[in-house]
Amino acid sequence: MSILKKTKPASPKPTSQHTYAAGPIRERILNAAFSLFAESGFSTTSMLDIVTRARVSKRDLYALFQNKHAVLAACIHERAGRMRHSLDAAAPVPETREALTKLLVDFGVSILKTVCRPEVLTVFRLAIAESDRAPEIALTLHQSGREANQKALVALLTKAQERRLVANDDPAALAARYFALLWGDLLLSLLMRVREAPTEREIRTRARATTETLMARR
């Protein structure tokens, strides 16, 4: 009569800090590539590095992206879309200056909170670093993020002027003034790493000061 020895279950293998084995292949590639670009820089990262971390084949990678710049462009395009804070065009325009003021403050807070995140600042740095060799990448970032936000604000201010809630100036000029006041040199300082990201209280104070200055013009 044979006796079967009980075997001890094998210990699970340690999981890598960066695991991209789950999810659609394109998503895995972009997540792996962006983390590598952020850690090592775009020029240092190779296509082999990307397939290794994403755990896909070279065939999978090249079936989706022609080259490394195409991978970077896709990374930035997806993240730039997340930076869009479109004011709901279908929503009714505020009836009072107080309601419009609150909406503009919340809009500014939302933009600042998003762009001050480390991941988003990395997107800006990557676009700037490759602007000479691939200017279309910076253009994608501009069109998907900043330009979209500016168009949304212009549309809101145009409707607000019809209700005589804001100054009867060129809406595009008013929107440009709003963003110039909102940002000042903050974004440049953050990109150059010469200051820390503002606190939530500082962000709200900045958005309120910007809005009050804009609304003071009648």
N, C-alpha and C. Protein backbone atom coordinates (compact mmCIF):
# COMPACT_ATOMS: atom_id res chain seq x y z
N MET A 1 0.85 -1.18 0.00
CA MET A 1 0.00 0.00 0.00
C MET A 1 0.90 1.24 0.00
N SER A 2 0.70 2.09 -1.00
CA SER A 2 1.55 3.27 -1.11
C SER A 2 0.95 4.42 -0.33
N ILE A 3 1.81 5.18 0.20
CA ILE A 3 1.36 6.34 0.96
C ILE A 3 1.76 7.60 0.19
N LEU A 4 0.75 8.41 -0.13
CA LEU A 4 1.00 9.64 -0.86
C LEU A 4 1.38 10.74 0.13
N LYS A 5 2.51 11.32 -0.09
CA LYS A 5 2.94 12.41 0.79
C LYS A 5 2.23 13.70 0.42
N LYS A 6 1.83 14.40 1.44
CA LYS A 6 1.22 15.70 1.20
C LYS A 6 2.31 16.71 0.84
N THR A 7 2.08 17.37 -0.24
CA THR A 7 3.06 18.37 -0.67
C THR A 7 2.62 19.76 -0.24
N LYS A 8 3.56 20.54 0.15
CA LYS A 8 3.27 21.90 0.58
C LYS A 8 2.99 22.77 -0.64
N PRO A 9 1.89 23.54 -0.62
CA PRO A 9 1.58 24.39 -1.77
C PRO A 9 2.72 25.35 -2.07
N ALA A 10 2.97 25.52 -3.34
CA ALA A 10 4.06 26.41 -3.74
C ALA A 10 3.73 27.84 -3.35
N SER A 11 4.72 28.55 -2.86
CA SER A 11 4.52 29.96 -2.50
C SER A 11 4.32 30.77 -3.76
N PRO A 12 3.40 31.72 -3.72
CA PRO A 12 3.18 32.54 -4.91
C PRO A 12 4.43 33.34 -5.25
N LYS A 13 4.67 33.49 -6.53
CA LYS A 13 5.83 34.26 -6.96
C LYS A 13 5.60 35.74 -6.68
N PRO A 14 6.63 36.43 -6.28
CA PRO A 14 6.46 37.85 -6.01
C PRO A 14 6.03 38.59 -7.26
N THR A 15 5.12 39.53 -7.08
CA THR A 15 4.61 40.29 -8.21
C THR A 15 5.50 41.49 -8.46
N SER A 16 5.80 41.73 -9.71
CA SER A 16 6.61 42.89 -10.06
C SER A 16 5.87 44.17 -9.70
N GLN A 17 6.64 45.20 -9.41
CA GLN A 17 6.03 46.48 -9.09
C GLN A 17 5.25 47.02 -10.28
N HIS A 18 5.71 46.69 -11.47
CA HIS A 18 5.05 47.16 -12.69
C HIS A 18 4.48 45.95 -13.42
N THR A 19 3.21 45.69 -13.28
CA THR A 19 2.58 44.58 -13.96
C THR A 19 1.52 45.09 -14.91
N TYR A 20 1.68 44.78 -16.19
CA TYR A 20 0.74 45.25 -17.20
C TYR A 20 0.20 44.08 -18.01
N ALA A 21 0.10 42.92 -17.36
CA ALA A 21 -0.31 41.72 -18.08
C ALA A 21 -1.81 41.66 -18.30
N ALA A 22 -2.57 42.49 -17.60
CA ALA A 22 -4.02 42.46 -17.74
C ALA A 22 -4.49 43.61 -18.62
N GLY A 23 -5.68 43.43 -19.20
CA GLY A 23 -6.28 44.50 -19.99
C GLY A 23 -5.94 44.39 -21.46
N PRO A 24 -6.60 45.22 -22.29
CA PRO A 24 -6.35 45.23 -23.73
C PRO A 24 -4.89 45.54 -24.04
N ILE A 25 -4.40 44.99 -25.14
CA ILE A 25 -2.99 45.14 -25.48
C ILE A 25 -2.61 46.61 -25.64
N ARG A 26 -3.44 47.40 -26.31
CA ARG A 26 -3.10 48.81 -26.54
C ARG A 26 -2.97 49.56 -25.21
N GLU A 27 -3.88 49.29 -24.30
CA GLU A 27 -3.84 49.95 -23.00
C GLU A 27 -2.59 49.55 -22.23
N ARG A 28 -2.22 48.27 -22.31
CA ARG A 28 -1.03 47.79 -21.62
C ARG A 28 0.23 48.46 -22.18
N ILE A 29 0.28 48.57 -23.48
CA ILE A 29 1.43 49.20 -24.12
C ILE A 29 1.56 50.66 -23.70
N LEU A 30 0.46 51.40 -23.74
CA LEU A 30 0.51 52.82 -23.40
C LEU A 30 0.84 53.04 -21.93
N ASN A 31 0.27 52.23 -21.05
CA ASN A 31 0.58 52.37 -19.63
C ASN A 31 2.05 52.08 -19.35
N ALA A 32 2.55 51.01 -19.97
CA ALA A 32 3.96 50.65 -19.78
C ALA A 32 4.87 51.72 -20.36
N ALA A 33 4.54 52.18 -21.57
CA ALA A 33 5.38 53.19 -22.22
C ALA A 33 5.42 54.49 -21.43
N PHE A 34 4.26 54.93 -20.95
CA PHE A 34 4.23 56.20 -20.23
C PHE A 34 5.05 56.12 -18.94
N SER A 35 4.96 55.00 -18.25
CA SER A 35 5.74 54.86 -17.01
C SER A 35 7.23 54.87 -17.33
N LEU A 36 7.63 54.24 -18.44
CA LEU A 36 9.04 54.23 -18.83
C LEU A 36 9.50 55.62 -19.25
N PHE A 37 8.68 56.32 -20.03
CA PHE A 37 9.03 57.68 -20.45
C PHE A 37 9.22 58.58 -19.22
N ALA A 38 8.34 58.41 -18.23
CA ALA A 38 8.41 59.24 -17.02
C ALA A 38 9.64 58.91 -16.19
N GLU A 39 10.00 57.64 -16.13
CA GLU A 39 11.12 57.20 -15.30
C GLU A 39 12.48 57.46 -15.96
N SER A 40 12.58 57.09 -17.24
CA SER A 40 13.89 57.10 -17.90
C SER A 40 14.05 58.16 -18.98
N GLY A 41 12.95 58.80 -19.36
CA GLY A 41 13.01 59.76 -20.45
C GLY A 41 12.67 59.10 -21.77
N PHE A 42 12.20 59.90 -22.70
CA PHE A 42 11.77 59.37 -23.99
C PHE A 42 12.94 58.81 -24.79
N SER A 43 14.03 59.57 -24.88
CA SER A 43 15.14 59.15 -25.74
C SER A 43 15.82 57.88 -25.25
N THR A 44 15.83 57.67 -23.93
CA THR A 44 16.50 56.50 -23.36
C THR A 44 15.65 55.23 -23.50
N THR A 45 14.35 55.38 -23.54
CA THR A 45 13.46 54.22 -23.62
C THR A 45 13.44 53.64 -25.03
N SER A 46 13.55 52.33 -25.14
CA SER A 46 13.52 51.67 -26.45
C SER A 46 12.19 50.94 -26.63
N MET A 47 11.91 50.57 -27.85
CA MET A 47 10.71 49.79 -28.13
C MET A 47 10.79 48.44 -27.43
N LEU A 48 12.00 47.90 -27.30
CA LEU A 48 12.18 46.63 -26.58
C LEU A 48 11.82 46.79 -25.11
N ASP A 49 12.20 47.94 -24.53
CA ASP A 49 11.83 48.21 -23.14
C ASP A 49 10.31 48.19 -22.98
N ILE A 50 9.63 48.77 -23.95
CA ILE A 50 8.17 48.87 -23.87
C ILE A 50 7.53 47.49 -23.96
N VAL A 51 7.94 46.66 -24.91
CA VAL A 51 7.32 45.34 -25.05
C VAL A 51 7.64 44.47 -23.84
N THR A 52 8.83 44.66 -23.27
CA THR A 52 9.21 43.86 -22.09
C THR A 52 8.32 44.21 -20.90
N ARG A 53 8.15 45.49 -20.65
CA ARG A 53 7.33 45.88 -19.50
C ARG A 53 5.85 45.60 -19.74
N ALA A 54 5.39 45.79 -20.95
CA ALA A 54 3.97 45.55 -21.25
C ALA A 54 3.65 44.07 -21.40
N ARG A 55 4.70 43.25 -21.52
CA ARG A 55 4.54 41.81 -21.72
C ARG A 55 3.70 41.50 -22.97
N VAL A 56 4.13 42.11 -24.05
CA VAL A 56 3.53 41.85 -25.35
C VAL A 56 4.66 41.53 -26.32
N SER A 57 4.29 41.11 -27.51
CA SER A 57 5.31 40.81 -28.52
C SER A 57 5.61 42.05 -29.35
N LYS A 58 6.75 42.03 -30.03
CA LYS A 58 7.07 43.14 -30.93
C LYS A 58 6.02 43.24 -32.03
N ARG A 59 5.51 42.09 -32.44
CA ARG A 59 4.49 42.08 -33.47
C ARG A 59 3.24 42.83 -32.99
N ASP A 60 2.85 42.61 -31.75
CA ASP A 60 1.71 43.33 -31.19
C ASP A 60 1.96 44.84 -31.18
N LEU A 61 3.16 45.21 -30.76
CA LEU A 61 3.50 46.63 -30.65
C LEU A 61 3.47 47.32 -32.01
N TYR A 62 4.16 46.71 -32.99
CA TYR A 62 4.26 47.36 -34.30
C TYR A 62 2.96 47.26 -35.11
N ALA A 63 2.07 46.39 -34.71
CA ALA A 63 0.77 46.34 -35.37
C ALA A 63 -0.07 47.55 -34.98
N LEU A 64 0.24 48.14 -33.83
CA LEU A 64 -0.52 49.29 -33.34
C LEU A 64 0.20 50.61 -33.52
N PHE A 65 1.54 50.58 -33.44
CA PHE A 65 2.31 51.83 -33.49
C PHE A 65 3.51 51.66 -34.42
N GLN A 66 3.66 52.60 -35.33
CA GLN A 66 4.73 52.52 -36.32
C GLN A 66 6.10 52.73 -35.70
N ASN A 67 6.16 53.62 -34.71
CA ASN A 67 7.44 53.93 -34.08
C ASN A 67 7.22 54.49 -32.68
N LYS A 68 8.31 54.85 -32.03
CA LYS A 68 8.24 55.30 -30.64
C LYS A 68 7.52 56.65 -30.52
N HIS A 69 7.69 57.51 -31.51
CA HIS A 69 6.98 58.80 -31.47
C HIS A 69 5.47 58.59 -31.54
N ALA A 70 5.05 57.59 -32.30
CA ALA A 70 3.62 57.29 -32.38
C ALA A 70 3.09 56.82 -31.03
N VAL A 71 3.92 56.08 -30.30
CA VAL A 71 3.53 55.63 -28.95
C VAL A 71 3.39 56.84 -28.03
N LEU A 72 4.38 57.75 -28.09
CA LEU A 72 4.34 58.94 -27.25
C LEU A 72 3.13 59.81 -27.59
N ALA A 73 2.87 59.97 -28.88
CA ALA A 73 1.72 60.79 -29.30
C ALA A 73 0.42 60.21 -28.75
N ALA A 74 0.29 58.89 -28.77
CA ALA A 74 -0.92 58.25 -28.25
C ALA A 74 -1.02 58.43 -26.74
N CYS A 75 0.09 58.31 -26.04
CA CYS A 75 0.11 58.53 -24.58
C CYS A 75 -0.38 59.93 -24.25
N ILE A 76 0.14 60.91 -24.97
CA ILE A 76 -0.21 62.30 -24.68
C ILE A 76 -1.64 62.60 -25.09
N HIS A 77 -2.07 62.05 -26.23
CA HIS A 77 -3.44 62.30 -26.68
C HIS A 77 -4.46 61.79 -25.66
N GLU A 78 -4.24 60.61 -25.13
CA GLU A 78 -5.18 60.05 -24.15
C GLU A 78 -5.19 60.86 -22.86
N ARG A 79 -4.02 61.25 -22.41
CA ARG A 79 -3.96 61.99 -21.15
C ARG A 79 -4.40 63.43 -21.33
N ALA A 80 -4.18 64.00 -22.50
CA ALA A 80 -4.64 65.36 -22.76
C ALA A 80 -6.16 65.43 -22.71
N GLY A 81 -6.81 64.36 -23.18
CA GLY A 81 -8.26 64.31 -23.13
C GLY A 81 -8.78 64.38 -21.71
N ARG A 82 -8.03 63.81 -20.78
CA ARG A 82 -8.44 63.83 -19.37
C ARG A 82 -8.28 65.22 -18.76
N MET A 83 -7.51 66.09 -19.43
CA MET A 83 -7.29 67.44 -18.93
C MET A 83 -8.39 68.39 -19.37
N ARG A 84 -9.29 67.92 -20.22
CA ARG A 84 -10.36 68.77 -20.72
C ARG A 84 -11.43 68.93 -19.66
N HIS A 85 -11.81 70.17 -19.39
CA HIS A 85 -12.85 70.43 -18.40
C HIS A 85 -13.96 71.24 -19.07
N SER A 86 -14.58 70.62 -20.04
CA SER A 86 -15.59 71.32 -20.81
C SER A 86 -16.76 71.72 -19.92
N LEU A 87 -17.13 73.00 -20.04
CA LEU A 87 -18.34 73.46 -19.38
C LEU A 87 -19.50 72.93 -20.20
N ASP A 88 -20.48 72.36 -19.55
CA ASP A 88 -21.59 71.71 -20.22
C ASP A 88 -22.34 72.71 -21.09
N ALA A 89 -22.22 72.53 -22.43
CA ALA A 89 -22.87 73.47 -23.34
C ALA A 89 -24.38 73.41 -23.25
N ALA A 90 -24.90 72.26 -22.82
CA ALA A 90 -26.35 72.10 -22.74
C ALA A 90 -26.92 72.65 -21.44
N ALA A 91 -26.04 72.90 -20.46
CA ALA A 91 -26.51 73.39 -19.17
C ALA A 91 -26.96 74.84 -19.30
N PRO A 92 -27.96 75.24 -18.54
CA PRO A 92 -28.44 76.63 -18.61
C PRO A 92 -27.38 77.60 -18.09
N VAL A 93 -27.30 78.77 -18.71
CA VAL A 93 -26.36 79.78 -18.27
C VAL A 93 -26.84 80.33 -16.93
N PRO A 94 -25.95 80.54 -15.98
CA PRO A 94 -26.36 81.08 -14.69
C PRO A 94 -27.18 82.36 -14.85
N GLU A 95 -28.15 82.53 -13.98
CA GLU A 95 -29.05 83.68 -14.06
C GLU A 95 -28.48 84.91 -13.36
N THR A 96 -27.56 84.70 -12.44
CA THR A 96 -27.02 85.81 -11.65
C THR A 96 -25.51 85.84 -11.71
N ARG A 97 -24.95 87.00 -11.36
CA ARG A 97 -23.49 87.14 -11.32
C ARG A 97 -22.89 86.24 -10.24
N GLU A 98 -23.62 86.07 -9.15
CA GLU A 98 -23.12 85.21 -8.07
C GLU A 98 -22.99 83.76 -8.54
N ALA A 99 -24.00 83.29 -9.27
CA ALA A 99 -23.97 81.91 -9.78
C ALA A 99 -22.87 81.74 -10.83
N LEU A 100 -22.69 82.76 -11.68
CA LEU A 100 -21.63 82.70 -12.69
C LEU A 100 -20.27 82.72 -12.02
N THR A 101 -20.12 83.52 -10.98
CA THR A 101 -18.86 83.57 -10.23
C THR A 101 -18.51 82.21 -9.66
N LYS A 102 -19.47 81.54 -9.06
CA LYS A 102 -19.23 80.21 -8.50
C LYS A 102 -18.80 79.22 -9.58
N LEU A 103 -19.47 79.28 -10.73
CA LEU A 103 -19.15 78.37 -11.82
C LEU A 103 -17.72 78.59 -12.31
N LEU A 104 -17.32 79.87 -12.44
CA LEU A 104 -15.98 80.17 -12.93
C LEU A 104 -14.91 79.79 -11.91
N VAL A 105 -15.21 79.94 -10.63
CA VAL A 105 -14.26 79.53 -9.60
C VAL A 105 -14.07 78.02 -9.63
N ASP A 106 -15.18 77.28 -9.70
CA ASP A 106 -15.10 75.81 -9.74
C ASP A 106 -14.36 75.34 -10.99
N PHE A 107 -14.58 76.02 -12.11
CA PHE A 107 -13.91 75.69 -13.37
C PHE A 107 -12.40 75.86 -13.20
N GLY A 108 -11.98 76.98 -12.61
CA GLY A 108 -10.57 77.22 -12.40
C GLY A 108 -9.94 76.23 -11.44
N VAL A 109 -10.64 75.90 -10.38
CA VAL A 109 -10.14 74.91 -9.41
C VAL A 109 -9.93 73.57 -10.09
N SER A 110 -10.89 73.15 -10.90
CA SER A 110 -10.80 71.86 -11.59
C SER A 110 -9.59 71.81 -12.51
N ILE A 111 -9.36 72.88 -13.26
CA ILE A 111 -8.22 72.92 -14.18
C ILE A 111 -6.90 72.87 -13.42
N LEU A 112 -6.78 73.70 -12.40
CA LEU A 112 -5.52 73.75 -11.65
C LEU A 112 -5.22 72.43 -10.96
N LYS A 113 -6.23 71.83 -10.36
CA LYS A 113 -6.02 70.55 -9.68
C LYS A 113 -5.51 69.49 -10.65
N THR A 114 -6.07 69.48 -11.84
CA THR A 114 -5.68 68.46 -12.82
C THR A 114 -4.27 68.68 -13.34
N VAL A 115 -3.99 69.89 -13.78
CA VAL A 115 -2.70 70.16 -14.41
C VAL A 115 -1.54 70.11 -13.41
N CYS A 116 -1.82 70.34 -12.14
CA CYS A 116 -0.77 70.29 -11.13
C CYS A 116 -0.41 68.87 -10.70
N ARG A 117 -1.15 67.88 -11.19
CA ARG A 117 -0.83 66.50 -10.85
C ARG A 117 0.49 66.08 -11.50
N PRO A 118 1.33 65.31 -10.80
CA PRO A 118 2.63 64.90 -11.36
C PRO A 118 2.52 64.24 -12.73
N GLU A 119 1.52 63.38 -12.93
CA GLU A 119 1.37 62.69 -14.21
C GLU A 119 1.15 63.69 -15.35
N VAL A 120 0.35 64.70 -15.11
CA VAL A 120 0.05 65.69 -16.15
C VAL A 120 1.27 66.57 -16.42
N LEU A 121 2.00 66.92 -15.40
CA LEU A 121 3.22 67.70 -15.61
C LEU A 121 4.23 66.89 -16.42
N THR A 122 4.25 65.58 -16.21
CA THR A 122 5.11 64.72 -17.02
C THR A 122 4.71 64.78 -18.48
N VAL A 123 3.42 64.81 -18.75
CA VAL A 123 2.93 64.93 -20.13
C VAL A 123 3.47 66.20 -20.77
N PHE A 124 3.39 67.32 -20.06
CA PHE A 124 3.90 68.59 -20.58
C PHE A 124 5.40 68.50 -20.85
N ARG A 125 6.14 67.93 -19.91
CA ARG A 125 7.60 67.85 -20.07
C ARG A 125 7.97 66.99 -21.28
N LEU A 126 7.26 65.89 -21.48
CA LEU A 126 7.54 65.02 -22.63
C LEU A 126 7.24 65.74 -23.94
N ALA A 127 6.12 66.46 -23.99
CA ALA A 127 5.75 67.18 -25.20
C ALA A 127 6.77 68.27 -25.51
N ILE A 128 7.24 68.96 -24.48
CA ILE A 128 8.24 70.01 -24.68
C ILE A 128 9.56 69.42 -25.15
N ALA A 129 9.96 68.31 -24.53
CA ALA A 129 11.25 67.69 -24.87
C ALA A 129 11.30 67.24 -26.32
N GLU A 130 10.16 66.84 -26.86
CA GLU A 130 10.14 66.33 -28.24
C GLU A 130 9.55 67.32 -29.23
N SER A 131 9.37 68.57 -28.82
CA SER A 131 8.69 69.55 -29.69
C SER A 131 9.45 69.84 -30.97
N ASP A 132 10.80 69.76 -30.95
CA ASP A 132 11.57 70.01 -32.17
C ASP A 132 11.43 68.87 -33.16
N ARG A 133 11.54 67.63 -32.67
CA ARG A 133 11.50 66.46 -33.56
C ARG A 133 10.08 66.05 -33.93
N ALA A 134 9.13 66.31 -33.04
CA ALA A 134 7.75 65.90 -33.29
C ALA A 134 6.79 66.99 -32.80
N PRO A 135 6.72 68.12 -33.52
CA PRO A 135 5.87 69.23 -33.07
C PRO A 135 4.40 68.87 -33.00
N GLU A 136 4.00 67.83 -33.74
CA GLU A 136 2.58 67.43 -33.71
C GLU A 136 2.16 66.92 -32.34
N ILE A 137 3.13 66.44 -31.55
CA ILE A 137 2.80 65.95 -30.21
C ILE A 137 2.39 67.10 -29.30
N ALA A 138 3.14 68.20 -29.35
CA ALA A 138 2.78 69.38 -28.56
C ALA A 138 1.46 69.97 -29.05
N LEU A 139 1.24 69.91 -30.37
CA LEU A 139 -0.01 70.42 -30.93
C LEU A 139 -1.20 69.60 -30.42
N THR A 140 -1.02 68.29 -30.33
CA THR A 140 -2.07 67.42 -29.80
C THR A 140 -2.41 67.81 -28.37
N LEU A 141 -1.39 68.05 -27.57
CA LEU A 141 -1.60 68.44 -26.18
C LEU A 141 -2.34 69.76 -26.10
N HIS A 142 -1.95 70.71 -26.93
CA HIS A 142 -2.58 72.03 -26.92
C HIS A 142 -4.05 71.94 -27.34
N GLN A 143 -4.32 71.22 -28.42
CA GLN A 143 -5.68 71.15 -28.95
C GLN A 143 -6.61 70.37 -28.04
N SER A 144 -6.11 69.29 -27.47
CA SER A 144 -6.96 68.43 -26.65
C SER A 144 -7.19 68.98 -25.25
N GLY A 145 -6.27 69.79 -24.77
CA GLY A 145 -6.39 70.30 -23.42
C GLY A 145 -6.72 71.77 -23.36
N ARG A 146 -5.71 72.60 -23.51
CA ARG A 146 -5.88 74.04 -23.31
C ARG A 146 -6.86 74.66 -24.29
N GLU A 147 -6.74 74.33 -25.56
CA GLU A 147 -7.61 74.94 -26.56
C GLU A 147 -9.07 74.56 -26.35
N ALA A 148 -9.30 73.29 -25.97
CA ALA A 148 -10.66 72.84 -25.72
C ALA A 148 -11.27 73.58 -24.53
N ASN A 149 -10.48 73.78 -23.48
CA ASN A 149 -10.96 74.52 -22.31
C ASN A 149 -11.26 75.97 -22.65
N GLN A 150 -10.41 76.56 -23.48
CA GLN A 150 -10.61 77.96 -23.85
C GLN A 150 -11.88 78.12 -24.69
N LYS A 151 -12.12 77.22 -25.60
CA LYS A 151 -13.34 77.30 -26.42
C LYS A 151 -14.58 77.17 -25.56
N ALA A 152 -14.52 76.28 -24.57
CA ALA A 152 -15.66 76.10 -23.68
C ALA A 152 -15.94 77.38 -22.89
N LEU A 153 -14.88 78.03 -22.44
CA LEU A 153 -15.05 79.26 -21.67
C LEU A 153 -15.56 80.40 -22.55
N VAL A 154 -15.08 80.48 -23.77
CA VAL A 154 -15.56 81.51 -24.70
C VAL A 154 -17.06 81.35 -24.93
N ALA A 155 -17.50 80.11 -25.11
CA ALA A 155 -18.94 79.85 -25.33
C ALA A 155 -19.76 80.30 -24.12
N LEU A 156 -19.27 80.01 -22.92
CA LEU A 156 -19.99 80.40 -21.71
C LEU A 156 -20.04 81.93 -21.57
N LEU A 157 -18.91 82.60 -21.79
CA LEU A 157 -18.87 84.05 -21.63
C LEU A 157 -19.73 84.75 -22.68
N THR A 158 -19.80 84.17 -23.87
CA THR A 158 -20.67 84.74 -24.91
C THR A 158 -22.12 84.73 -24.46
N LYS A 159 -22.56 83.60 -23.89
CA LYS A 159 -23.93 83.51 -23.38
C LYS A 159 -24.14 84.42 -22.17
N ALA A 160 -23.11 84.53 -21.33
CA ALA A 160 -23.22 85.38 -20.14
C ALA A 160 -23.36 86.85 -20.54
N GLN A 161 -22.71 87.24 -21.64
CA GLN A 161 -22.82 88.61 -22.11
C GLN A 161 -24.25 88.94 -22.56
N GLU A 162 -24.93 87.94 -23.11
CA GLU A 162 -26.32 88.15 -23.52
C GLU A 162 -27.20 88.48 -22.32
N ARG A 163 -26.81 88.00 -21.16
CA ARG A 163 -27.55 88.29 -19.92
C ARG A 163 -26.93 89.46 -19.16
N ARG A 164 -25.92 90.07 -19.77
CA ARG A 164 -25.25 91.23 -19.18
C ARG A 164 -24.65 90.91 -17.81
N LEU A 165 -24.06 89.73 -17.73
CA LEU A 165 -23.43 89.31 -16.48
C LEU A 165 -21.94 89.62 -16.45
N VAL A 166 -21.34 89.82 -17.63
CA VAL A 166 -19.91 90.15 -17.72
C VAL A 166 -19.72 91.29 -18.69
N ALA A 167 -18.51 91.83 -18.70
CA ALA A 167 -18.19 92.96 -19.57
C ALA A 167 -18.43 92.61 -21.03
N ASN A 168 -18.83 93.60 -21.79
CA ASN A 168 -19.14 93.38 -23.20
C ASN A 168 -17.89 93.50 -24.06
N ASP A 169 -16.83 92.81 -23.65
CA ASP A 169 -15.58 92.78 -24.43
C ASP A 169 -15.59 91.54 -25.32
N ASP A 170 -14.57 91.42 -26.14
CA ASP A 170 -14.43 90.23 -26.97
C ASP A 170 -14.35 89.01 -26.06
N PRO A 171 -15.27 88.03 -26.21
CA PRO A 171 -15.25 86.85 -25.33
C PRO A 171 -13.92 86.09 -25.36
N ALA A 172 -13.29 86.03 -26.52
CA ALA A 172 -12.00 85.34 -26.63
C ALA A 172 -10.94 86.06 -25.81
N ALA A 173 -10.99 87.40 -25.83
CA ALA A 173 -10.02 88.18 -25.04
C ALA A 173 -10.28 88.00 -23.55
N LEU A 174 -11.55 87.94 -23.16
CA LEU A 174 -11.90 87.71 -21.75
C LEU A 174 -11.40 86.33 -21.30
N ALA A 175 -11.60 85.33 -22.14
CA ALA A 175 -11.16 83.97 -21.80
C ALA A 175 -9.64 83.92 -21.69
N ALA A 176 -8.95 84.58 -22.62
CA ALA A 176 -7.48 84.60 -22.57
C ALA A 176 -7.01 85.29 -21.28
N ARG A 177 -7.72 86.35 -20.89
CA ARG A 177 -7.36 87.06 -19.65
C ARG A 177 -7.57 86.16 -18.44
N TYR A 178 -8.67 85.42 -18.46
CA TYR A 178 -8.97 84.51 -17.36
C TYR A 178 -7.83 83.50 -17.17
N PHE A 179 -7.41 82.86 -18.25
CA PHE A 179 -6.37 81.85 -18.14
C PHE A 179 -5.01 82.45 -17.80
N ALA A 180 -4.74 83.67 -18.31
CA ALA A 180 -3.47 84.32 -17.98
C ALA A 180 -3.40 84.62 -16.48
N LEU A 181 -4.52 85.10 -15.92
CA LEU A 181 -4.57 85.38 -14.49
C LEU A 181 -4.53 84.09 -13.67
N LEU A 182 -5.22 83.07 -14.16
CA LEU A 182 -5.29 81.80 -13.42
C LEU A 182 -3.91 81.17 -13.30
N TRP A 183 -3.15 81.19 -14.39
CA TRP A 183 -1.86 80.50 -14.38
C TRP A 183 -0.72 81.38 -13.93
N GLY A 184 -0.65 82.62 -14.43
CA GLY A 184 0.53 83.42 -14.12
C GLY A 184 1.78 82.65 -14.52
N ASP A 185 2.75 82.56 -13.62
CA ASP A 185 3.97 81.78 -13.91
C ASP A 185 3.94 80.42 -13.21
N LEU A 186 2.75 80.02 -12.71
CA LEU A 186 2.67 78.78 -11.93
C LEU A 186 3.10 77.56 -12.74
N LEU A 187 2.55 77.40 -13.94
CA LEU A 187 2.86 76.20 -14.72
C LEU A 187 4.34 76.14 -15.06
N LEU A 188 4.91 77.27 -15.46
CA LEU A 188 6.34 77.29 -15.78
C LEU A 188 7.18 76.90 -14.57
N SER A 189 6.82 77.43 -13.40
CA SER A 189 7.57 77.11 -12.18
C SER A 189 7.48 75.63 -11.83
N LEU A 190 6.30 75.05 -12.04
CA LEU A 190 6.12 73.63 -11.76
C LEU A 190 6.91 72.78 -12.75
N LEU A 191 6.89 73.15 -14.02
CA LEU A 191 7.62 72.39 -15.02
C LEU A 191 9.13 72.45 -14.78
N MET A 192 9.59 73.57 -14.26
CA MET A 192 11.02 73.73 -13.99
C MET A 192 11.41 73.18 -12.61
N ARG A 193 10.38 72.72 -11.88
CA ARG A 193 10.60 72.15 -10.54
C ARG A 193 11.23 73.15 -9.57
N VAL A 194 10.85 74.40 -9.68
CA VAL A 194 11.39 75.40 -8.77
C VAL A 194 10.40 75.74 -7.66
N ARG A 195 9.22 75.10 -7.68
CA ARG A 195 8.28 75.27 -6.59
C ARG A 195 7.43 74.02 -6.45
N GLU A 196 6.82 73.88 -5.29
CA GLU A 196 5.93 72.75 -5.03
C GLU A 196 4.55 73.05 -5.60
N ALA A 197 3.78 72.01 -5.83
CA ALA A 197 2.41 72.20 -6.30
C ALA A 197 1.61 72.92 -5.22
N PRO A 198 0.71 73.82 -5.60
CA PRO A 198 -0.08 74.55 -4.60
C PRO A 198 -1.02 73.63 -3.84
N THR A 199 -1.35 74.01 -2.64
CA THR A 199 -2.31 73.24 -1.85
C THR A 199 -3.71 73.50 -2.39
N GLU A 200 -4.67 72.70 -1.93
CA GLU A 200 -6.05 72.88 -2.37
C GLU A 200 -6.56 74.27 -1.99
N ARG A 201 -6.18 74.73 -0.83
CA ARG A 201 -6.61 76.07 -0.40
C ARG A 201 -6.00 77.14 -1.30
N GLU A 202 -4.72 77.00 -1.64
CA GLU A 202 -4.06 77.97 -2.53
C GLU A 202 -4.69 77.96 -3.92
N ILE A 203 -5.06 76.77 -4.38
CA ILE A 203 -5.70 76.65 -5.68
C ILE A 203 -7.03 77.39 -5.70
N ARG A 204 -7.84 77.18 -4.68
CA ARG A 204 -9.16 77.84 -4.62
C ARG A 204 -8.99 79.35 -4.49
N THR A 205 -8.03 79.79 -3.71
CA THR A 205 -7.78 81.23 -3.57
C THR A 205 -7.39 81.83 -4.91
N ARG A 206 -6.56 81.12 -5.64
CA ARG A 206 -6.11 81.61 -6.95
C ARG A 206 -7.27 81.68 -7.94
N ALA A 207 -8.10 80.65 -7.96
CA ALA A 207 -9.25 80.63 -8.87
C ALA A 207 -10.25 81.73 -8.53
N ARG A 208 -10.44 81.98 -7.23
CA ARG A 208 -11.37 83.02 -6.82
C ARG A 208 -10.85 84.41 -7.18
N ALA A 209 -9.56 84.65 -6.96
CA ALA A 209 -8.98 85.95 -7.29
C ALA A 209 -9.07 86.21 -8.80
N THR A 210 -8.82 85.18 -9.58
CA THR A 210 -8.92 85.29 -11.04
C THR A 210 -10.34 85.66 -11.45
N THR A 211 -11.31 84.96 -10.90
CA THR A 211 -12.70 85.19 -11.25
C THR A 211 -13.17 86.57 -10.82
N GLU A 212 -12.79 86.98 -9.64
CA GLU A 212 -13.20 88.30 -9.14
C GLU A 212 -12.63 89.42 -10.01
N THR A 213 -11.39 89.27 -10.47
CA THR A 213 -10.80 90.27 -11.34
C THR A 213 -11.54 90.35 -12.66
N LEU A 214 -11.89 89.17 -13.21
CA LEU A 214 -12.62 89.13 -14.47
C LEU A 214 -14.01 89.74 -14.32
N MET A 215 -14.68 89.40 -13.25
CA MET A 215 -16.06 89.85 -13.04
C MET A 215 -16.12 91.32 -12.67
N ALA A 216 -15.01 91.90 -12.24
CA ALA A 216 -15.00 93.31 -11.85
C ALA A 216 -15.14 94.23 -13.05
N ARG A 217 -14.82 93.71 -14.23
CA ARG A 217 -14.96 94.50 -15.46
C ARG A 217 -16.40 94.50 -15.90
N ARG A 218 -17.00 95.66 -16.01
CA ARG A 218 -18.41 95.77 -16.42
C ARG A 218 -18.53 96.63 -17.67
